[in-house]
Amino acid sequence: MTWFVRWGIGLAAVAAGLICLILDLGGFGVEELFGFIGAGLSIILINYLFRLGVQSDREHDAHEQEWRYYEAHGHWPDERPRSRRPGP
């Protein structure tokens, strides 16, 4: 269902433009084609940019958690802890 909302609506608009060009009802096929293609590509682009923003937020949150771990333990989560040398 989410695939259809993200990409299918835009693709349906582009397909509607192609159908209008083929049928050419009233002699406005080319104008309808470009109108529907513009609308469809706009929908696809807005969804893509939204997904890109959500991914960036997730990466930022993951980095923030790693930073908190570093502050608490003194090493990054994917590193082994440093062995402490005995003092002289």
Protein backbone atom coordinates (compact mmCIF):
# COMPACT_ATOMS: atom_id res chain seq x y z
CA MET A 1 0.00 0.00 0.00
CA THR A 2 2.77 2.45 0.87
CA TRP A 3 4.48 1.79 -2.48
CA PHE A 4 1.34 2.90 -4.28
CA VAL A 5 1.06 6.08 -2.23
CA ARG A 6 4.75 6.92 -2.67
CA TRP A 7 5.24 6.11 -6.33
CA GLY A 8 2.03 4.74 -7.84
CA ILE A 9 0.00 7.95 -7.74
CA GLY A 10 2.71 9.82 -9.65
CA LEU A 11 3.06 7.01 -12.17
CA ALA A 12 -0.72 6.90 -12.59
CA ALA A 13 -0.72 10.62 -13.40
CA VAL A 14 2.00 10.11 -16.02
CA ALA A 15 0.03 7.19 -17.48
CA ALA A 16 -3.10 9.36 -17.57
CA GLY A 17 -1.16 11.91 -19.61
CA LEU A 18 -0.11 9.26 -22.10
CA ILE A 19 -3.71 8.04 -22.38
CA CYS A 20 -4.89 11.61 -23.03
CA LEU A 21 -2.29 11.95 -25.77
CA ILE A 22 -3.40 8.71 -27.42
CA LEU A 23 -7.12 9.48 -27.21
CA ASP A 24 -6.68 13.23 -27.95
CA LEU A 25 -10.21 14.17 -26.91
CA GLY A 26 -10.97 17.72 -27.98
CA GLY A 27 -7.57 18.32 -29.58
CA PHE A 28 -5.74 19.07 -26.33
CA GLY A 29 -3.74 15.82 -26.11
CA VAL A 30 -0.28 17.41 -25.99
CA GLU A 31 -1.27 19.98 -23.39
CA GLU A 32 -2.90 17.30 -21.25
CA LEU A 33 0.14 15.07 -21.67
CA PHE A 34 2.54 17.71 -20.37
CA GLY A 35 0.15 18.75 -17.60
CA PHE A 36 -0.24 15.22 -16.29
CA ILE A 37 3.46 14.42 -16.70
CA GLY A 38 4.36 17.58 -14.78
CA ALA A 39 1.92 16.72 -12.01
CA GLY A 40 3.07 13.10 -11.85
CA LEU A 41 6.76 13.96 -11.77
CA SER A 42 6.10 16.59 -9.10
CA ILE A 43 4.38 13.99 -6.92
CA ILE A 44 7.26 11.55 -7.41
CA LEU A 45 9.87 14.22 -6.65
CA ILE A 46 8.10 15.41 -3.49
CA ASN A 47 7.86 11.83 -2.24
CA TYR A 48 11.54 11.22 -3.03
CA LEU A 49 12.63 14.36 -1.20
CA PHE A 50 10.47 13.45 1.79
CA ARG A 51 12.02 9.97 1.96
CA LEU A 52 15.48 11.52 1.70
CA GLY A 53 14.70 13.82 4.65
CA VAL A 54 13.41 10.94 6.77
CA GLN A 55 16.54 8.91 6.03
CA SER A 56 18.72 11.86 7.02
CA ASP A 57 16.85 12.18 10.33
CA ARG A 58 17.42 8.47 11.06
CA GLU A 59 21.13 8.77 10.30
CA HIS A 60 21.37 11.83 12.55
CA ASP A 61 19.64 10.01 15.41
CA ALA A 62 21.94 6.99 15.02
CA HIS A 63 25.01 9.23 15.07
CA GLU A 64 23.72 11.00 18.17
CA GLN A 65 23.31 7.66 19.97
CA GLU A 66 26.86 6.67 19.01
CA TRP A 67 28.13 9.98 20.35
CA ARG A 68 26.36 9.44 23.69
CA TYR A 69 27.91 5.97 23.88
CA TYR A 70 31.35 7.50 23.23
CA GLU A 71 30.88 10.07 25.98
CA ALA A 72 29.81 7.39 28.45
CA HIS A 73 32.42 4.71 27.62
CA GLY A 74 35.37 6.56 26.06
CA HIS A 75 35.33 4.60 22.79
CA TRP A 76 33.04 4.26 19.79
CA PRO A 77 30.51 1.39 19.74
CA ASP A 78 32.27 -0.39 16.86
CA GLU A 79 35.72 -0.19 18.51
CA ARG A 80 37.20 -2.42 21.17
CA PRO A 81 37.81 -0.72 24.50
CA ARG A 82 41.35 0.50 25.00
CA SER A 83 43.31 -1.51 27.50
CA ARG A 84 44.44 0.57 30.41
CA ARG A 85 48.16 0.52 31.09
CA PRO A 86 49.19 0.07 34.67
CA GLY A 87 50.76 3.13 36.16
CA PRO A 88 54.49 3.27 37.15
